[in-house]
Amino acid sequence: MNQSYPVPPPELLDQWCMENNWRDIAIQAAQWGADQELEACCELLDELPYDGPMLYDARRPKPPSLKEQALLVIDTAVNDYRMSSDAASIIRRALEALND
């Protein structure tokens, strides 16, 4: 195997083997490798006049919050005529009043 690429530390490999099946291990290993590559790219971009953290955020976006998901469901329901605009407005105002 070509060792010029990052290899997960033995402790991490042992943990994966104890906690998962082979399919899960393959997925975790692929994610780990992709994260290592992204970190390397971000470090490189930090040395250039580009924004490394912006790249990281773009490639590893956070999933929408529960509040954002709920607002999207409301919009979809209104667009599909399953909820009135008045009811949606009330629910939307209540959701927006909540902390994320």
PDB file of N, CA and C in Angstrom:
ATOM      1  N   MET A   1       0.846  -1.193   0.000  1.00  0.00           N
ATOM      2  CA  MET A   1       0.000   0.000   0.000  1.00  0.00           C
ATOM      3  C   MET A   1       0.882   1.244   0.000  1.00  0.00           C
ATOM      4  N   ASN A   2       0.475   2.259  -0.680  1.00  0.00           N
ATOM      5  CA  ASN A   2       1.203   3.510  -0.742  1.00  0.00           C
ATOM      6  C   ASN A   2       1.027   4.261   0.578  1.00  0.00           C
ATOM      7  N   GLN A   3       2.100   4.415   1.340  1.00  0.00           N
ATOM      8  CA  GLN A   3       2.022   5.077   2.633  1.00  0.00           C
ATOM      9  C   GLN A   3       2.187   6.590   2.550  1.00  0.00           C
ATOM     10  N   SER A   4       2.227   7.138   1.339  1.00  0.00           N
ATOM     11  CA  SER A   4       2.339   8.586   1.229  1.00  0.00           C
ATOM     12  C   SER A   4       1.011   9.270   1.533  1.00  0.00           C
ATOM     13  N   TYR A   5      -0.038   8.496   1.612  1.00  0.00           N
ATOM     14  CA  TYR A   5      -1.344   9.036   1.971  1.00  0.00           C
ATOM     15  C   TYR A   5      -1.552   8.869   3.464  1.00  0.00           C
ATOM     16  N   PRO A   6      -2.332   9.753   4.094  1.00  0.00           N
ATOM     17  CA  PRO A   6      -2.567   9.582   5.530  1.00  0.00           C
ATOM     18  C   PRO A   6      -3.322   8.289   5.807  1.00  0.00           C
ATOM     19  N   VAL A   7      -2.930   7.630   6.869  1.00  0.00           N
ATOM     20  CA  VAL A   7      -3.570   6.388   7.294  1.00  0.00           C
ATOM     21  C   VAL A   7      -4.123   6.630   8.690  1.00  0.00           C
ATOM     22  N   PRO A   8      -5.346   6.199   8.964  1.00  0.00           N
ATOM     23  CA  PRO A   8      -5.894   6.407  10.311  1.00  0.00           C
ATOM     24  C   PRO A   8      -4.977   5.807  11.370  1.00  0.00           C
ATOM     25  N   PRO A   9      -4.880   6.459  12.514  1.00  0.00           N
ATOM     26  CA  PRO A   9      -4.055   5.916  13.591  1.00  0.00           C
ATOM     27  C   PRO A   9      -4.564   4.540  14.027  1.00  0.00           C
ATOM     28  N   PRO A  10      -3.663   3.649  14.489  1.00  0.00           N
ATOM     29  CA  PRO A  10      -4.075   2.301  14.891  1.00  0.00           C
ATOM     30  C   PRO A  10      -5.189   2.285  15.942  1.00  0.00           C
ATOM     31  N   GLU A  11      -5.141   3.242  16.872  1.00  0.00           N
ATOM     32  CA  GLU A  11      -6.180   3.288  17.911  1.00  0.00           C
ATOM     33  C   GLU A  11      -7.560   3.526  17.301  1.00  0.00           C
ATOM     34  N   LEU A  12      -7.616   4.399  16.296  1.00  0.00           N
ATOM     35  CA  LEU A  12      -8.885   4.685  15.632  1.00  0.00           C
ATOM     36  C   LEU A  12      -9.367   3.468  14.850  1.00  0.00           C
ATOM     37  N   LEU A  13      -8.450   2.791  14.171  1.00  0.00           N
ATOM     38  CA  LEU A  13      -8.822   1.570  13.450  1.00  0.00           C
ATOM     39  C   LEU A  13      -9.353   0.507  14.410  1.00  0.00           C
ATOM     40  N   ASP A  14      -8.693   0.342  15.555  1.00  0.00           N
ATOM     41  CA  ASP A  14      -9.151  -0.626  16.557  1.00  0.00           C
ATOM     42  C   ASP A  14     -10.550  -0.273  17.046  1.00  0.00           C
ATOM     43  N   GLN A  15     -10.781   1.010  17.296  1.00  0.00           N
ATOM     44  CA  GLN A  15     -12.104   1.455  17.767  1.00  0.00           C
ATOM     45  C   GLN A  15     -13.170   1.144  16.723  1.00  0.00           C
ATOM     46  N   TRP A  16     -12.888   1.448  15.466  1.00  0.00           N
ATOM     47  CA  TRP A  16     -13.850   1.170  14.399  1.00  0.00           C
ATOM     48  C   TRP A  16     -14.157  -0.322  14.316  1.00  0.00           C
ATOM     49  N   CYS A  17     -13.123  -1.157  14.417  1.00  0.00           N
ATOM     50  CA  CYS A  17     -13.317  -2.606  14.310  1.00  0.00           C
ATOM     51  C   CYS A  17     -14.154  -3.155  15.462  1.00  0.00           C
ATOM     52  N   MET A  18     -14.005  -2.579  16.633  1.00  0.00           N
ATOM     53  CA  MET A  18     -14.758  -3.070  17.799  1.00  0.00           C
ATOM     54  C   MET A  18     -16.223  -2.632  17.752  1.00  0.00           C
ATOM     55  N   GLU A  19     -16.488  -1.477  17.148  1.00  0.00           N
ATOM     56  CA  GLU A  19     -17.821  -0.880  17.224  1.00  0.00           C
ATOM     57  C   GLU A  19     -18.682  -1.108  15.977  1.00  0.00           C
ATOM     58  N   ASN A  20     -18.110  -1.583  14.875  1.00  0.00           N
ATOM     59  CA  ASN A  20     -18.855  -1.558  13.616  1.00  0.00           C
ATOM     60  C   ASN A  20     -18.645  -2.813  12.782  1.00  0.00           C
ATOM     61  N   ASN A  21     -19.502  -2.929  11.758  1.00  0.00           N
ATOM     62  CA  ASN A  21     -19.303  -3.990  10.765  1.00  0.00           C
ATOM     63  C   ASN A  21     -18.416  -3.439   9.644  1.00  0.00           C
ATOM     64  N   TRP A  22     -18.043  -4.279   8.696  1.00  0.00           N
ATOM     65  CA  TRP A  22     -17.105  -3.875   7.639  1.00  0.00           C
ATOM     66  C   TRP A  22     -17.625  -2.731   6.788  1.00  0.00           C
ATOM     67  N   ARG A  23     -18.917  -2.727   6.532  1.00  0.00           N
ATOM     68  CA  ARG A  23     -19.492  -1.651   5.715  1.00  0.00           C
ATOM     69  C   ARG A  23     -19.335  -0.310   6.424  1.00  0.00           C
ATOM     70  N   ASP A  24     -19.648  -0.296   7.715  1.00  0.00           N
ATOM     71  CA  ASP A  24     -19.516   0.942   8.485  1.00  0.00           C
ATOM     72  C   ASP A  24     -18.057   1.390   8.569  1.00  0.00           C
ATOM     73  N   ILE A  25     -17.160   0.423   8.713  1.00  0.00           N
ATOM     74  CA  ILE A  25     -15.732   0.755   8.778  1.00  0.00           C
ATOM     75  C   ILE A  25     -15.292   1.402   7.468  1.00  0.00           C
ATOM     76  N   ALA A  26     -15.726   0.847   6.347  1.00  0.00           N
ATOM     77  CA  ALA A  26     -15.359   1.413   5.045  1.00  0.00           C
ATOM     78  C   ALA A  26     -15.884   2.841   4.910  1.00  0.00           C
ATOM     79  N   ILE A  27     -17.105   3.068   5.353  1.00  0.00           N
ATOM     80  CA  ILE A  27     -17.691   4.411   5.275  1.00  0.00           C
ATOM     81  C   ILE A  27     -16.916   5.376   6.168  1.00  0.00           C
ATOM     82  N   GLN A  28     -16.614   4.948   7.403  1.00  0.00           N
ATOM     83  CA  GLN A  28     -15.873   5.819   8.316  1.00  0.00           C
ATOM     84  C   GLN A  28     -14.469   6.110   7.780  1.00  0.00           C
ATOM     85  N   ALA A  29     -13.828   5.104   7.205  1.00  0.00           N
ATOM     86  CA  ALA A  29     -12.486   5.298   6.664  1.00  0.00           C
ATOM     87  C   ALA A  29     -12.518   6.285   5.488  1.00  0.00           C
ATOM     88  N   ALA A  30     -13.518   6.150   4.625  1.00  0.00           N
ATOM     89  CA  ALA A  30     -13.637   7.072   3.499  1.00  0.00           C
ATOM     90  C   ALA A  30     -13.879   8.498   3.996  1.00  0.00           C
ATOM     91  N   GLN A  31     -14.735   8.648   5.005  1.00  0.00           N
ATOM     92  CA  GLN A  31     -15.008   9.974   5.568  1.00  0.00           C
ATOM     93  C   GLN A  31     -13.758  10.550   6.209  1.00  0.00           C
ATOM     94  N   TRP A  32     -13.024   9.707   6.948  1.00  0.00           N
ATOM     95  CA  TRP A  32     -11.793  10.165   7.590  1.00  0.00           C
ATOM     96  C   TRP A  32     -10.807  10.664   6.533  1.00  0.00           C
ATOM     97  N   GLY A  33     -10.629   9.885   5.460  1.00  0.00           N
ATOM     98  CA  GLY A  33      -9.714  10.284   4.403  1.00  0.00           C
ATOM     99  C   GLY A  33     -10.138  11.575   3.725  1.00  0.00           C
ATOM    100  N   ALA A  34     -11.430  11.711   3.480  1.00  0.00           N
ATOM    101  CA  ALA A  34     -11.941  12.938   2.861  1.00  0.00           C
ATOM    102  C   ALA A  34     -11.729  14.129   3.788  1.00  0.00           C
ATOM    103  N   ASP A  35     -11.926  13.924   5.084  1.00  0.00           N
ATOM    104  CA  ASP A  35     -11.700  15.007   6.048  1.00  0.00           C
ATOM    105  C   ASP A  35     -10.223  15.410   6.092  1.00  0.00           C
ATOM    106  N   GLN A  36      -9.321  14.420   6.020  1.00  0.00           N
ATOM    107  CA  GLN A  36      -7.888  14.720   6.006  1.00  0.00           C
ATOM    108  C   GLN A  36      -7.524  15.548   4.781  1.00  0.00           C
ATOM    109  N   GLU A  37      -8.065  15.175   3.631  1.00  0.00           N
ATOM    110  CA  GLU A  37      -7.793  15.917   2.402  1.00  0.00           C
ATOM    111  C   GLU A  37      -8.352  17.335   2.489  1.00  0.00           C
ATOM    112  N   LEU A  38      -9.559  17.480   3.020  1.00  0.00           N
ATOM    113  CA  LEU A  38     -10.161  18.802   3.159  1.00  0.00           C
ATOM    114  C   LEU A  38      -9.332  19.668   4.100  1.00  0.00           C
ATOM    115  N   GLU A  39      -8.880  19.103   5.218  1.00  0.00           N
ATOM    116  CA  GLU A  39      -8.045  19.860   6.153  1.00  0.00           C
ATOM    117  C   GLU A  39      -6.759  20.329   5.463  1.00  0.00           C
ATOM    118  N   ALA A  40      -6.151  19.452   4.674  1.00  0.00           N
ATOM    119  CA  ALA A  40      -4.920  19.816   3.964  1.00  0.00           C
ATOM    120  C   ALA A  40      -5.187  20.945   2.974  1.00  0.00           C
ATOM    121  N   CYS A  41      -6.303  20.872   2.275  1.00  0.00           N
ATOM    122  CA  CYS A  41      -6.660  21.940   1.328  1.00  0.00           C
ATOM    123  C   CYS A  41      -6.889  23.260   2.054  1.00  0.00           C
ATOM    124  N   CYS A  42      -7.566  23.195   3.186  1.00  0.00           N
ATOM    125  CA  CYS A  42      -7.831  24.414   3.955  1.00  0.00           C
ATOM    126  C   CYS A  42      -6.531  25.028   4.463  1.00  0.00           C
ATOM    127  N   GLU A  43      -5.598  24.182   4.914  1.00  0.00           N
ATOM    128  CA  GLU A  43      -4.303  24.691   5.370  1.00  0.00           C
ATOM    129  C   GLU A  43      -3.558  25.365   4.219  1.00  0.00           C
ATOM    130  N   LEU A  44      -3.615  24.762   3.054  1.00  0.00           N
ATOM    131  CA  LEU A  44      -2.967  25.350   1.886  1.00  0.00           C
ATOM    132  C   LEU A  44      -3.601  26.693   1.538  1.00  0.00           C
ATOM    133  N   LEU A  45      -4.928  26.731   1.575  1.00  0.00           N
ATOM    134  CA  LEU A  45      -5.614  27.981   1.242  1.00  0.00           C
ATOM    135  C   LEU A  45      -5.354  29.061   2.284  1.00  0.00           C
ATOM    136  N   ASP A  46      -5.111  28.651   3.543  1.00  0.00           N
ATOM    137  CA  ASP A  46      -4.790  29.646   4.571  1.00  0.00           C
ATOM    138  C   ASP A  46      -3.486  30.365   4.257  1.00  0.00           C
ATOM    139  N   GLU A  47      -2.598  29.699   3.507  1.00  0.00           N
ATOM    140  CA  GLU A  47      -1.322  30.296   3.135  1.00  0.00           C
ATOM    141  C   GLU A  47      -1.450  31.174   1.893  1.00  0.00           C
ATOM    142  N   LEU A  48      -2.561  31.087   1.205  1.00  0.00           N
ATOM    143  CA  LEU A  48      -2.790  31.860  -0.008  1.00  0.00           C
ATOM    144  C   LEU A  48      -3.820  32.952   0.280  1.00  0.00           C
ATOM    145  N   PRO A  49      -4.061  33.839  -0.684  1.00  0.00           N
ATOM    146  CA  PRO A  49      -5.035  34.908  -0.434  1.00  0.00           C
ATOM    147  C   PRO A  49      -6.495  34.433  -0.557  1.00  0.00           C
ATOM    148  N   TYR A  50      -6.755  33.157  -0.264  1.00  0.00           N
ATOM    149  CA  TYR A  50      -8.119  32.635  -0.313  1.00  0.00           C
ATOM    150  C   TYR A  50      -8.555  32.291   1.089  1.00  0.00           C
ATOM    151  N   ASP A  51      -9.802  31.945   1.235  1.00  0.00           N
ATOM    152  CA  ASP A  51     -10.379  31.694   2.549  1.00  0.00           C
ATOM    153  C   ASP A  51     -10.544  30.198   2.793  1.00  0.00           C
ATOM    154  N   GLY A  52      -9.629  29.579   3.555  1.00  0.00           N
ATOM    155  CA  GLY A  52      -9.709  28.158   3.881  1.00  0.00           C
ATOM    156  C   GLY A  52     -10.966  27.791   4.657  1.00  0.00           C
ATOM    157  N   PRO A  53     -11.304  28.532   5.723  1.00  0.00           N
ATOM    158  CA  PRO A  53     -12.530  28.186   6.458  1.00  0.00           C
ATOM    159  C   PRO A  53     -13.786  28.228   5.581  1.00  0.00           C
ATOM    160  N   MET A  54     -13.820  29.124   4.599  1.00  0.00           N
ATOM    161  CA  MET A  54     -14.971  29.182   3.702  1.00  0.00           C
ATOM    162  C   MET A  54     -15.083  27.879   2.910  1.00  0.00           C
ATOM    163  N   LEU A  55     -13.943  27.348   2.469  1.00  0.00           N
ATOM    164  CA  LEU A  55     -13.934  26.078   1.751  1.00  0.00           C
ATOM    165  C   LEU A  55     -14.448  24.964   2.656  1.00  0.00           C
ATOM    166  N   TYR A  56     -13.981  24.945   3.891  1.00  0.00           N
ATOM    167  CA  TYR A  56     -14.407  23.902   4.837  1.00  0.00           C
ATOM    168  C   TYR A  56     -15.923  23.971   5.034  1.00  0.00           C
ATOM    169  N   ASP A  57     -16.441  25.155   5.263  1.00  0.00           N
ATOM    170  CA  ASP A  57     -17.887  25.315   5.470  1.00  0.00           C
ATOM    171  C   ASP A  57     -18.682  24.902   4.243  1.00  0.00           C
ATOM    172  N   ALA A  58     -18.147  25.188   3.059  1.00  0.00           N
ATOM    173  CA  ALA A  58     -18.852  24.834   1.828  1.00  0.00           C
ATOM    174  C   ALA A  58     -18.862  23.322   1.605  1.00  0.00           C
ATOM    175  N   ARG A  59     -17.773  22.648   1.973  1.00  0.00           N
ATOM    176  CA  ARG A  59     -17.661  21.203   1.738  1.00  0.00           C
ATOM    177  C   ARG A  59     -18.223  20.376   2.880  1.00  0.00           C
ATOM    178  N   ARG A  60     -18.387  20.944   4.054  1.00  0.00           N
ATOM    179  CA  ARG A  60     -18.954  20.234   5.200  1.00  0.00           C
ATOM    180  C   ARG A  60     -20.053  21.091   5.837  1.00  0.00           C
ATOM    181  N   PRO A  61     -21.106  21.355   5.066  1.00  0.00           N
ATOM    182  CA  PRO A  61     -22.172  22.215   5.603  1.00  0.00           C
ATOM    183  C   PRO A  61     -22.874  21.541   6.774  1.00  0.00           C
ATOM    184  N   LYS A  62     -23.301  22.360   7.691  1.00  0.00           N
ATOM    185  CA  LYS A  62     -24.069  21.850   8.827  1.00  0.00           C
ATOM    186  C   LYS A  62     -25.479  21.539   8.353  1.00  0.00           C
ATOM    187  N   PRO A  63     -26.062  20.452   8.852  1.00  0.00           N
ATOM    188  CA  PRO A  63     -27.443  20.159   8.462  1.00  0.00           C
ATOM    189  C   PRO A  63     -28.371  21.255   8.991  1.00  0.00           C
ATOM    190  N   PRO A  64     -29.495  21.465   8.316  1.00  0.00           N
ATOM    191  CA  PRO A  64     -30.414  22.508   8.789  1.00  0.00           C
ATOM    192  C   PRO A  64     -30.908  22.176  10.192  1.00  0.00           C
ATOM    193  N   SER A  65     -31.106  23.226  10.971  1.00  0.00           N
ATOM    194  CA  SER A  65     -31.609  23.042  12.329  1.00  0.00           C
ATOM    195  C   SER A  65     -33.051  22.535  12.267  1.00  0.00           C
ATOM    196  N   LEU A  66     -33.529  22.061  13.388  1.00  0.00           N
ATOM    197  CA  LEU A  66     -34.914  21.597  13.468  1.00  0.00           C
ATOM    198  C   LEU A  66     -35.871  22.732  13.121  1.00  0.00           C
ATOM    199  N   LYS A  67     -35.541  23.932  13.566  1.00  0.00           N
ATOM    200  CA  LYS A  67     -36.372  25.095  13.255  1.00  0.00           C
ATOM    201  C   LYS A  67     -36.397  25.354  11.744  1.00  0.00           C
ATOM    202  N   GLU A  68     -35.219  25.300  11.100  1.00  0.00           N
ATOM    203  CA  GLU A  68     -35.158  25.507   9.647  1.00  0.00           C
ATOM    204  C   GLU A  68     -35.930  24.428   8.901  1.00  0.00           C
ATOM    205  N   GLN A  69     -35.838  23.196   9.376  1.00  0.00           N
ATOM    206  CA  GLN A  69     -36.586  22.112   8.753  1.00  0.00           C
ATOM    207  C   GLN A  69     -38.085  22.344   8.884  1.00  0.00           C
ATOM    208  N   ALA A  70     -38.514  22.772  10.067  1.00  0.00           N
ATOM    209  CA  ALA A  70     -39.937  23.015  10.300  1.00  0.00           C
ATOM    210  C   ALA A  70     -40.454  24.142   9.407  1.00  0.00           C
ATOM    211  N   LEU A  71     -39.657  25.198   9.254  1.00  0.00           N
ATOM    212  CA  LEU A  71     -40.069  26.309   8.384  1.00  0.00           C
ATOM    213  C   LEU A  71     -40.189  25.851   6.931  1.00  0.00           C
ATOM    214  N   LEU A  72     -39.287  24.974   6.513  1.00  0.00           N
ATOM    215  CA  LEU A  72     -39.359  24.432   5.162  1.00  0.00           C
ATOM    216  C   LEU A  72     -40.620  23.582   4.979  1.00  0.00           C
ATOM    217  N   VAL A  73     -40.975  22.795   5.984  1.00  0.00           N
ATOM    218  CA  VAL A  73     -42.194  21.984   5.921  1.00  0.00           C
ATOM    219  C   VAL A  73     -43.419  22.887   5.793  1.00  0.00           C
ATOM    220  N   ILE A  74     -43.419  23.980   6.530  1.00  0.00           N
ATOM    221  CA  ILE A  74     -44.541  24.927   6.452  1.00  0.00           C
ATOM    222  C   ILE A  74     -44.639  25.507   5.038  1.00  0.00           C
ATOM    223  N   ASP A  75     -43.510  25.947   4.501  1.00  0.00           N
ATOM    224  CA  ASP A  75     -43.514  26.514   3.140  1.00  0.00           C
ATOM    225  C   ASP A  75     -44.030  25.500   2.121  1.00  0.00           C
ATOM    226  N   THR A  76     -43.588  24.257   2.266  1.00  0.00           N
ATOM    227  CA  THR A  76     -44.032  23.204   1.350  1.00  0.00           C
ATOM    228  C   THR A  76     -45.529  22.966   1.476  1.00  0.00           C
ATOM    229  N   ALA A  77     -46.024  22.935   2.713  1.00  0.00           N
ATOM    230  CA  ALA A  77     -47.453  22.704   2.941  1.00  0.00           C
ATOM    231  C   ALA A  77     -48.292  23.836   2.338  1.00  0.00           C
ATOM    232  N   VAL A  78     -47.833  25.060   2.473  1.00  0.00           N
ATOM    233  CA  VAL A  78     -48.561  26.195   1.892  1.00  0.00           C
ATOM    234  C   VAL A  78     -48.532  26.109   0.369  1.00  0.00           C
ATOM    235  N   ASN A  79     -47.356  25.806  -0.182  1.00  0.00           N
ATOM    236  CA  ASN A  79     -47.235  25.709  -1.645  1.00  0.00           C
ATOM    237  C   ASN A  79     -48.090  24.584  -2.224  1.00  0.00           C
ATOM    238  N   ASP A  80     -48.290  23.512  -1.442  1.00  0.00           N
ATOM    239  CA  ASP A  80     -49.105  22.374  -1.888  1.00  0.00           C
ATOM    240  C   ASP A  80     -50.583  22.538  -1.496  1.00  0.00           C
ATOM    241  N   TYR A  81     -50.946  23.709  -0.987  1.00  0.00           N
ATOM    242  CA  TYR A  81     -52.324  24.013  -0.560  1.00  0.00           C
ATOM    243  C   TYR A  81     -52.811  23.058   0.532  1.00  0.00           C
ATOM    244  N   ARG A  82     -51.890  22.607   1.393  1.00  0.00           N
ATOM    245  CA  ARG A  82     -52.288  21.764   2.519  1.00  0.00           C
ATOM    246  C   ARG A  82     -52.375  22.562   3.804  1.00  0.00           C
ATOM    247  N   MET A  83     -51.961  23.839   3.740  1.00  0.00           N
ATOM    248  CA  MET A  83     -52.034  24.713   4.908  1.00  0.00           C
ATOM    249  C   MET A  83     -52.322  26.117   4.419  1.00  0.00           C
ATOM    250  N   SER A  84     -53.167  26.810   5.157  1.00  0.00           N
ATOM    251  CA  SER A  84     -53.491  28.179   4.763  1.00  0.00           C
ATOM    252  C   SER A  84     -52.326  29.105   5.097  1.00  0.00           C
ATOM    253  N   SER A  85     -52.264  30.201   4.389  1.00  0.00           N
ATOM    254  CA  SER A  85     -51.215  31.191   4.644  1.00  0.00           C
ATOM    255  C   SER A  85     -51.337  31.780   6.038  1.00  0.00           C
ATOM    256  N   ASP A  86     -52.569  31.958   6.502  1.00  0.00           N
ATOM    257  CA  ASP A  86     -52.775  32.505   7.848  1.00  0.00           C
ATOM    258  C   ASP A  86     -52.246  31.550   8.917  1.00  0.00           C
ATOM    259  N   ALA A  87     -52.565  30.269   8.791  1.00  0.00           N
ATOM    260  CA  ALA A  87     -52.076  29.283   9.758  1.00  0.00           C
ATOM    261  C   ALA A  87     -50.551  29.198   9.691  1.00  0.00           C
ATOM    262  N   ALA A  88     -50.010  29.223   8.497  1.00  0.00           N
ATOM    263  CA  ALA A  88     -48.557  29.160   8.326  1.00  0.00           C
ATOM    264  C   ALA A  88     -47.877  30.352   8.968  1.00  0.00           C
ATOM    265  N   SER A  89     -48.476  31.514   8.828  1.00  0.00           N
ATOM    266  CA  SER A  89     -47.904  32.725   9.408  1.00  0.00           C
ATOM    267  C   SER A  89     -47.824  32.623  10.926  1.00  0.00           C
ATOM    268  N   ILE A  90     -48.856  32.100  11.544  1.00  0.00           N
ATOM    269  CA  ILE A  90     -48.871  31.946  13.008  1.00  0.00           C
ATOM    270  C   ILE A  90     -47.783  30.965  13.453  1.00  0.00           C
ATOM    271  N   ILE A  91     -47.735  29.828  12.791  1.00  0.00           N
ATOM    272  CA  ILE A  91     -46.742  28.814  13.160  1.00  0.00           C
ATOM    273  C   ILE A  91     -45.331  29.328  12.892  1.00  0.00           C
ATOM    274  N   ARG A  92     -45.134  30.017  11.777  1.00  0.00           N
ATOM    275  CA  ARG A  92     -43.816  30.557  11.428  1.00  0.00           C
ATOM    276  C   ARG A  92     -43.363  31.568  12.483  1.00  0.00           C
ATOM    277  N   ARG A  93     -44.255  32.456  12.906  1.00  0.00           N
ATOM    278  CA  ARG A  93     -43.896  33.443  13.939  1.00  0.00           C
ATOM    279  C   ARG A  93     -43.521  32.748  15.243  1.00  0.00           C
ATOM    280  N   ALA A  94     -44.270  31.697  15.596  1.00  0.00           N
ATOM    281  CA  ALA A  94     -43.946  30.965  16.834  1.00  0.00           C
ATOM    282  C   ALA A  94     -42.576  30.289  16.735  1.00  0.00           C
ATOM    283  N   LEU A  95     -42.295  29.684  15.603  1.00  0.00           N
ATOM    284  CA  LEU A  95     -40.998  29.032  15.420  1.00  0.00           C
ATOM    285  C   LEU A  95     -39.852  30.044  15.436  1.00  0.00           C
ATOM    286  N   GLU A  96     -40.068  31.156  14.784  1.00  0.00           N
ATOM    287  CA  GLU A  96     -38.987  32.164  14.732  1.00  0.00           C
ATOM    288  C   GLU A  96     -38.731  32.794  16.086  1.00  0.00           C
ATOM    289  N   ALA A  97     -39.695  32.716  16.994  1.00  0.00           N
ATOM    290  CA  ALA A  97     -39.507  33.249  18.344  1.00  0.00           C
ATOM    291  C   ALA A  97     -38.636  32.334  19.193  1.00  0.00           C
ATOM    292  N   LEU A  98     -38.500  31.070  18.790  1.00  0.00           N
ATOM    293  CA  LEU A  98     -37.699  30.103  19.533  1.00  0.00           C
ATOM    294  C   LEU A  98     -36.213  30.280  19.238  1.00  0.00           C
ATOM    295  N   ASN A  99     -35.380  29.939  20.207  1.00  0.00           N
ATOM    296  CA  ASN A  99     -33.929  29.924  19.975  1.00  0.00           C
ATOM    297  C   ASN A  99     -33.592  28.730  19.111  1.00  0.00           C
ATOM    298  N   ASP A 100     -32.488  28.843  18.343  1.00  0.00           N
ATOM    299  CA  ASP A 100     -32.040  27.714  17.520  1.00  0.00           C
ATOM    300  C   ASP A 100     -31.504  26.680  18.407  1.00  0.00           C
TER     301      ASP A 100
END
